[in-house]
Amino acid sequence: MIEVDNLSKTFKIYHHRKGFLGSFVNLFSRKHRVIRAVDSVSFTVQRGEIIGYLGPNGAGKSTTIKMLTGILVPSSGNVTVNGYIPHRQRKENAKHIGVVFGQRSHLWFDLPVQESFELLQHIYRIPQAQYRDNVEMFDELLNLGDFFQTPVRQLSLGQRMRADIAAALLHNPDVLFLDEPTIGLDVVAKARIREFIQKINAEREVTVVLTTHDLDDVEKLCKRVILIDNARLCFDGKLATLRRLLSTERLLTVDYAEVYTDINIPDTHVTFQEGTRVQYRFSPEEISTADLIGAILQKFKIVDISVAEPDIEELIKTVYEDNLTLERKLAKSIPPDTQVN
C-alpha cells in the first residue's frame, strides 16, 4: 500500500548578512543553511496494517506524513501510496487517502458538522447511499448525533476530533494518516477514538499510519512501530521486539503489610513510595527476580507483589534522554523481523 525508498527532505533557512563591521543589515545579500528534516528513510506498509510512526519532536515524523499525502515535494527518493506518486498525482492520491492533523481541523468552523460533511460529500462526489451508510455507522460508533447540528467552532476538542476522523473516512479511503489524533483528549474520548480506528481497520482493511506522542495509542493499536530520530529511520519492527530489546530493567511493586522506614534493597532503586506500596527498579543482570523477592521476604511482611516491564514510553524516553542512539542498543541483538538502518 505504501512504498518509501530513500526518501529525503531538506529546507533552506535564509538570513541576511551583516554589513560593514556588523553595524547594519545588508538587505541585498543573504546566506542560508540547509536543514535536513528527513534523511534517506525507507519502509513499506502492507494493506490493512496499523503502524506507529514515532519519534521525538523535530525528528521528521510530520514532514514524512506531508510527503506521503502530497503536501510536500521530496528533495530526493521515491514514494508511492496505493500506486500513486503523491506530489505528482495529488488529486488521484487525495481520493484514496484520509488525513487528520490533531491540531488542525479540515472542517468549516462556522458551519454545523452536518453541513461540513455535506460539503465533503460534494467535493469527493460520494454517492448518496454511501454517504448515508457511513454517517449512520460513524454516528453509531462515535455518537456524532450529540453535536451533528452544532457549529464546529463550538465543539469540544474531543467532539471535534471525532468529527474530523469521521470526515476523513466519508469517501472510504484506502489509507488513513493520523497525526496526533488524541492530543489533549481525556481518557474516555481517547478510548472511543481507538475503538473506532480498530473497528474501521478490521471491517474495511483501512491502512493506518499513526504518529503520536501518546504511547497508549501505540500499545492499543499497533503491532509494528517505526522509529525516526534526527531525521533518520532507526528501527522498524514489532512493538514486542522493541520492548524486548530495550527493556534491560524491570519494575517490582510491593504492597507491604505495614509502613517500613528502611525499604532499600541492594542492587535496586526505589522509584515510588506511597504508604505501604513501594516500587523498585532493578536489572536482572545484577539481581534475579527470584533473589530480589527472596530478599524482600526475608526482611518484610508483604500483602502482594508483582513484576512488570517499564512501559514503552518510558523505554523510548530513556533512549532519547540519555542521548543514546538506538543503533547502539539494538546492535547487540537483532531478530530476523527487525531492520535497523
Protein backbone atom coordinates (compact mmCIF):
# COMPACT_ATOMS: atom_id res chain seq x y z
CA MET A 1 0.00 0.00 0.00
CA ILE A 2 2.86 2.40 0.84
CA GLU A 3 6.41 2.22 -0.53
CA VAL A 4 9.05 4.66 0.66
CA ASP A 5 12.53 4.37 -0.86
CA ASN A 6 15.46 6.51 0.27
CA LEU A 7 13.15 9.47 0.94
CA SER A 8 14.74 12.79 1.95
CA LYS A 9 13.54 16.33 2.52
CA THR A 10 15.72 19.40 3.07
CA PHE A 11 14.80 23.02 3.75
CA LYS A 12 16.84 26.16 3.21
CA ILE A 13 16.69 28.70 6.04
CA TYR A 14 17.73 32.15 4.83
CA HIS A 15 19.11 35.04 6.87
CA HIS A 16 20.65 38.40 5.91
CA ARG A 17 24.37 39.09 6.08
CA LYS A 18 25.65 41.77 8.41
CA GLY A 19 27.00 44.91 6.75
CA PHE A 20 30.31 46.75 7.27
CA LEU A 21 31.69 45.96 10.72
CA GLY A 22 28.32 44.41 11.56
CA SER A 23 26.73 47.84 12.02
CA PHE A 24 23.76 47.30 9.70
CA VAL A 25 21.96 44.50 7.84
CA ASN A 26 22.79 44.10 4.15
CA LEU A 27 19.35 43.62 2.55
CA PHE A 28 20.88 42.60 -0.78
CA SER A 29 22.95 39.68 0.43
CA ARG A 30 21.53 36.58 2.06
CA LYS A 31 23.11 33.46 3.50
CA HIS A 32 21.33 30.20 4.07
CA ARG A 33 21.77 26.97 5.94
CA VAL A 34 20.30 23.61 4.98
CA ILE A 35 18.06 21.73 7.41
CA ARG A 36 17.68 18.01 6.72
CA ALA A 37 14.22 17.13 8.05
CA VAL A 38 14.07 13.58 6.63
CA ASP A 39 17.24 11.72 5.63
CA SER A 40 17.18 8.60 3.42
CA VAL A 41 14.15 6.93 5.00
CA SER A 42 12.88 3.63 3.53
CA PHE A 43 9.98 1.39 4.57
CA THR A 44 6.90 -0.37 3.20
CA VAL A 45 3.41 -0.74 4.64
CA GLN A 46 1.08 -3.56 3.64
CA ARG A 47 -2.67 -3.18 3.08
CA GLY A 48 -4.59 -3.31 6.35
CA GLU A 49 -1.60 -2.65 8.63
CA ILE A 50 -1.71 -0.19 11.51
CA ILE A 51 1.77 1.17 12.13
CA GLY A 52 3.05 3.63 14.70
CA TYR A 53 5.47 6.20 13.28
CA LEU A 54 7.24 7.50 16.36
CA GLY A 55 10.00 9.86 17.38
CA PRO A 56 10.77 12.96 19.47
CA ASN A 57 9.74 16.46 18.43
CA GLY A 58 11.63 17.57 15.34
CA ALA A 59 12.57 14.02 14.33
CA GLY A 60 10.84 14.27 10.93
CA LYS A 61 7.51 12.49 11.54
CA SER A 62 5.15 15.19 10.29
CA THR A 63 7.43 16.02 7.35
CA THR A 64 7.27 12.38 6.26
CA ILE A 65 3.46 12.35 6.53
CA LYS A 66 3.24 15.55 4.46
CA MET A 67 5.29 13.93 1.70
CA LEU A 68 3.10 10.81 1.80
CA THR A 69 -0.01 12.94 1.44
CA GLY A 70 1.41 15.12 -1.34
CA ILE A 71 1.59 18.34 0.68
CA LEU A 72 5.38 18.47 0.40
CA VAL A 73 7.61 17.53 -2.53
CA PRO A 74 10.53 15.24 -1.62
CA SER A 75 14.05 16.56 -2.17
CA SER A 76 15.12 13.08 -3.26
CA GLY A 77 13.97 9.48 -3.16
CA ASN A 78 10.71 7.85 -4.18
CA VAL A 79 7.32 7.35 -2.55
CA THR A 80 4.10 5.73 -3.75
CA VAL A 81 0.80 5.43 -1.92
CA ASN A 82 -1.64 2.91 -3.36
CA GLY A 83 0.27 3.13 -6.66
CA TYR A 84 0.18 6.94 -6.85
CA ILE A 85 3.09 9.36 -6.54
CA PRO A 86 1.57 11.81 -4.03
CA HIS A 87 3.21 15.09 -5.12
CA ARG A 88 2.69 14.39 -8.83
CA GLN A 89 -0.80 12.87 -8.66
CA ARG A 90 -2.30 14.95 -5.88
CA LYS A 91 -5.94 14.70 -6.97
CA GLU A 92 -5.83 10.95 -7.56
CA ASN A 93 -3.96 10.40 -4.29
CA ALA A 94 -6.38 12.59 -2.33
CA LYS A 95 -9.33 10.46 -3.47
CA HIS A 96 -7.83 7.40 -1.78
CA ILE A 97 -6.46 8.80 1.45
CA GLY A 98 -7.87 10.34 4.61
CA VAL A 99 -5.82 12.74 6.74
CA VAL A 100 -6.31 14.02 10.28
CA PHE A 101 -3.92 16.54 11.81
CA GLY A 102 -4.71 16.68 15.52
CA GLN A 103 -4.01 20.39 15.91
CA ARG A 104 -5.87 21.46 12.75
CA SER A 105 -9.38 20.79 11.53
CA HIS A 106 -10.36 20.39 7.88
CA LEU A 107 -14.00 21.16 8.72
CA TRP A 108 -15.57 24.60 8.27
CA PHE A 109 -15.56 26.32 11.66
CA ASP A 110 -18.69 28.42 11.15
CA LEU A 111 -20.81 25.57 9.75
CA PRO A 112 -22.57 22.80 11.65
CA VAL A 113 -20.88 19.40 11.41
CA GLN A 114 -23.64 18.10 9.14
CA GLU A 115 -23.16 20.88 6.57
CA SER A 116 -19.38 20.34 6.61
CA PHE A 117 -19.99 16.67 5.89
CA GLU A 118 -22.36 17.53 3.04
CA LEU A 119 -19.75 19.83 1.51
CA LEU A 120 -17.22 16.99 1.67
CA GLN A 121 -19.77 14.71 0.03
CA HIS A 122 -19.91 17.06 -2.96
CA ILE A 123 -16.12 17.60 -3.05
CA TYR A 124 -15.42 13.86 -3.14
CA ARG A 125 -18.56 13.09 -5.18
CA ILE A 126 -19.67 10.48 -2.67
CA PRO A 127 -22.81 8.61 -3.76
CA GLN A 128 -25.81 9.37 -1.54
CA ALA A 129 -26.23 5.76 -0.39
CA GLN A 130 -22.55 5.50 0.62
CA TYR A 131 -22.70 8.85 2.39
CA ARG A 132 -25.83 7.90 4.32
CA ASP A 133 -24.45 4.49 5.34
CA ASN A 134 -21.16 6.00 6.51
CA VAL A 135 -22.79 8.76 8.54
CA GLU A 136 -25.08 6.20 10.23
CA MET A 137 -22.14 3.92 11.03
CA PHE A 138 -19.95 6.74 12.32
CA ASP A 139 -22.82 8.08 14.40
CA GLU A 140 -23.28 4.68 15.99
CA LEU A 141 -19.57 4.32 16.82
CA LEU A 142 -18.71 7.94 17.66
CA ASN A 143 -22.06 9.38 18.83
CA LEU A 144 -21.97 12.16 16.25
CA GLY A 145 -25.68 12.83 16.72
CA ASP A 146 -24.95 14.61 20.00
CA PHE A 147 -23.35 17.50 18.10
CA PHE A 148 -24.26 16.97 14.43
CA GLN A 149 -26.11 20.31 14.22
CA THR A 150 -23.52 22.24 16.25
CA PRO A 151 -21.10 24.66 14.53
CA VAL A 152 -17.59 23.24 14.53
CA ARG A 153 -16.16 26.22 16.43
CA GLN A 154 -18.46 25.38 19.38
CA LEU A 155 -17.35 21.76 19.69
CA SER A 156 -15.18 20.47 22.49
CA LEU A 157 -11.79 19.12 21.45
CA GLY A 158 -12.99 15.54 21.81
CA GLN A 159 -16.10 16.20 19.71
CA ARG A 160 -14.06 17.95 17.01
CA MET A 161 -11.59 15.08 16.79
CA ARG A 162 -14.42 12.57 16.41
CA ALA A 163 -15.95 14.71 13.67
CA ASP A 164 -12.56 15.14 11.93
CA ILE A 165 -11.84 11.41 11.89
CA ALA A 166 -15.32 10.62 10.59
CA ALA A 167 -14.97 13.32 7.91
CA ALA A 168 -11.64 11.83 6.78
CA LEU A 169 -13.35 8.47 6.22
CA LEU A 170 -16.56 9.61 4.47
CA HIS A 171 -15.18 8.80 1.00
CA ASN A 172 -13.96 5.29 2.01
CA PRO A 173 -10.21 5.92 1.70
CA ASP A 174 -7.74 3.06 1.49
CA VAL A 175 -5.19 4.78 3.75
CA LEU A 176 -5.75 6.91 6.85
CA PHE A 177 -2.96 9.19 8.12
CA LEU A 178 -3.43 10.23 11.74
CA ASP A 179 -1.07 12.89 13.08
CA GLU A 180 -1.56 13.21 16.87
CA PRO A 181 -5.28 12.28 16.73
CA THR A 182 -5.74 12.07 20.52
CA ILE A 183 -3.68 15.08 21.58
CA GLY A 184 -5.29 16.87 24.53
CA LEU A 185 -8.19 14.42 24.86
CA ASP A 186 -9.47 12.88 28.06
CA VAL A 187 -9.31 9.15 28.75
CA VAL A 188 -12.89 8.45 27.61
CA ALA A 189 -12.51 10.32 24.32
CA LYS A 190 -9.21 8.58 23.59
CA ALA A 191 -10.72 5.16 24.23
CA ARG A 192 -13.65 5.87 21.92
CA ILE A 193 -11.39 7.01 19.07
CA ARG A 194 -9.09 3.99 19.48
CA GLU A 195 -12.04 1.59 19.34
CA PHE A 196 -13.31 3.32 16.22
CA ILE A 197 -9.92 3.05 14.47
CA GLN A 198 -9.70 -0.65 15.36
CA LYS A 199 -13.19 -1.33 14.00
CA ILE A 200 -12.62 0.56 10.74
CA ASN A 201 -9.32 -1.25 10.25
CA ALA A 202 -10.86 -4.68 10.95
CA GLU A 203 -14.01 -4.24 8.87
CA ARG A 204 -12.67 -2.24 5.91
CA GLU A 205 -8.94 -3.09 5.93
CA VAL A 206 -8.10 0.60 6.06
CA THR A 207 -4.32 1.01 6.31
CA VAL A 208 -3.46 3.35 9.20
CA VAL A 209 -0.27 5.34 9.73
CA LEU A 210 -0.28 6.84 13.21
CA THR A 211 2.10 9.47 14.57
CA THR A 212 1.67 10.21 18.23
CA HIS A 213 3.39 11.07 21.48
CA ASP A 214 0.73 9.11 23.37
CA LEU A 215 2.27 5.67 23.73
CA ASP A 216 -1.05 4.29 24.99
CA ASP A 217 -2.29 4.79 21.42
CA VAL A 218 0.61 2.69 20.17
CA GLU A 219 0.14 -0.02 22.80
CA LYS A 220 -3.57 -0.34 22.00
CA LEU A 221 -3.45 -0.05 18.19
CA CYS A 222 -0.07 -1.02 16.73
CA LYS A 223 1.79 -4.29 16.44
CA ARG A 224 4.52 -2.66 14.37
CA VAL A 225 6.40 0.56 15.02
CA ILE A 226 8.84 2.65 13.01
CA LEU A 227 11.11 4.97 14.98
CA ILE A 228 12.73 8.06 13.47
CA ASP A 229 15.29 10.20 15.25
CA ASN A 230 17.39 13.09 13.91
CA ALA A 231 15.66 12.67 10.52
CA ARG A 232 16.80 9.03 10.11
CA LEU A 233 14.88 5.81 10.49
CA CYS A 234 16.46 3.82 13.30
CA PHE A 235 14.03 0.97 13.98
CA ASP A 236 11.35 -0.86 12.00
CA GLY A 237 9.83 -3.94 13.59
CA LYS A 238 7.36 -5.39 16.04
CA LEU A 239 6.44 -3.42 19.14
CA ALA A 240 7.12 -6.54 21.21
CA THR A 241 10.62 -6.79 19.71
CA LEU A 242 11.41 -3.17 20.55
CA ARG A 243 10.22 -3.68 24.10
CA ARG A 244 12.30 -6.84 24.47
CA LEU A 245 15.47 -5.26 23.07
CA LEU A 246 15.29 -2.06 25.09
CA SER A 247 13.90 -3.48 28.30
CA THR A 248 17.01 -4.26 30.33
CA GLU A 249 15.28 -3.34 33.59
CA ARG A 250 12.16 -4.50 35.43
CA LEU A 251 9.77 -2.91 37.90
CA LEU A 252 8.74 -4.75 41.05
CA THR A 253 5.79 -3.40 43.04
CA VAL A 254 5.28 -4.49 46.63
CA ASP A 255 2.33 -3.89 48.96
CA TYR A 256 3.81 -4.25 52.43
CA ALA A 257 1.77 -5.32 55.44
CA GLU A 258 2.88 -2.14 57.24
CA VAL A 259 4.90 1.02 56.65
CA TYR A 260 8.65 0.40 56.90
CA THR A 261 11.26 3.13 57.28
CA ASP A 262 14.22 1.35 55.67
CA ILE A 263 12.96 -0.21 52.45
CA ASN A 264 16.21 -0.21 50.47
CA ILE A 265 17.31 -3.47 48.84
CA PRO A 266 20.83 -3.91 47.39
CA ASP A 267 21.09 -3.68 43.57
CA THR A 268 17.71 -1.92 43.29
CA HIS A 269 16.44 1.65 43.08
CA VAL A 270 13.23 2.83 44.76
CA THR A 271 11.20 4.69 42.13
CA PHE A 272 7.96 5.14 44.04
CA GLN A 273 6.69 5.02 47.64
CA GLU A 274 3.22 5.83 48.92
CA GLY A 275 2.08 4.41 52.22
CA THR A 276 2.69 0.68 52.20
CA ARG A 277 3.18 0.49 48.42
CA VAL A 278 6.75 0.61 47.10
CA GLN A 279 8.09 0.20 43.58
CA TYR A 280 11.65 -0.95 42.83
CA ARG A 281 13.58 -0.77 39.57
CA PHE A 282 16.17 -3.47 39.04
CA SER A 283 18.26 -5.12 36.33
CA PRO A 284 18.05 -8.91 36.02
CA GLU A 285 21.76 -8.83 35.15
CA GLU A 286 22.53 -7.53 38.66
CA ILE A 287 19.90 -9.35 40.71
CA SER A 288 17.45 -12.02 39.58
CA THR A 289 13.73 -11.60 40.19
CA ALA A 290 13.74 -14.67 42.46
CA ASP A 291 16.65 -13.35 44.56
CA LEU A 292 15.01 -9.93 44.88
CA ILE A 293 11.71 -11.41 46.05
CA GLY A 294 13.62 -13.65 48.44
CA ALA A 295 15.47 -10.67 49.93
CA ILE A 296 12.18 -8.81 50.43
CA LEU A 297 10.51 -11.79 52.10
CA GLN A 298 13.43 -12.19 54.50
CA LYS A 299 13.15 -8.59 55.75
CA PHE A 300 9.47 -7.66 55.46
CA LYS A 301 5.90 -8.89 55.67
CA ILE A 302 4.08 -8.43 52.38
CA VAL A 303 0.46 -8.44 51.19
CA ASP A 304 1.04 -8.55 47.44
CA ILE A 305 3.89 -8.41 44.93
CA SER A 306 4.08 -8.07 41.14
CA VAL A 307 6.76 -7.70 38.46
CA ALA A 308 6.40 -5.75 35.21
CA GLU A 309 8.49 -4.28 32.44
CA PRO A 310 8.64 -0.49 32.09
CA ASP A 311 6.08 0.75 29.56
CA ILE A 312 7.14 1.52 26.01
CA GLU A 313 7.02 5.29 26.56
CA GLU A 314 9.50 5.07 29.40
CA LEU A 315 11.82 2.86 27.35
CA ILE A 316 11.92 5.20 24.34
CA LYS A 317 12.16 8.24 26.60
CA THR A 318 15.19 6.70 28.30
CA VAL A 319 16.93 6.26 24.95
CA TYR A 320 16.36 9.88 23.95
CA GLU A 321 17.08 11.46 27.33
CA ASP A 322 20.34 9.57 27.75
CA ASN A 323 21.30 10.82 24.28
CA LEU A 324 21.86 7.26 23.09
CA THR A 325 21.19 6.08 19.59
CA LEU A 326 19.01 3.07 19.00
CA GLU A 327 21.73 1.63 16.81
CA ARG A 328 23.99 1.20 19.85
CA LYS A 329 21.34 -0.58 21.86
CA LEU A 330 19.89 -2.67 19.06
CA ALA A 331 23.21 -3.71 17.54
CA LYS A 332 23.70 -6.24 20.33
CA SER A 333 20.79 -8.44 19.24
CA ILE A 334 18.77 -8.05 16.04
CA PRO A 335 15.97 -10.62 15.45
CA PRO A 336 15.00 -11.52 11.86
CA ASP A 337 11.85 -9.35 11.93
CA THR A 338 13.81 -6.22 12.80
CA GLN A 339 15.54 -3.82 10.45
CA VAL A 340 17.96 -1.15 11.54
CA ASN A 341 19.02 1.48 9.03
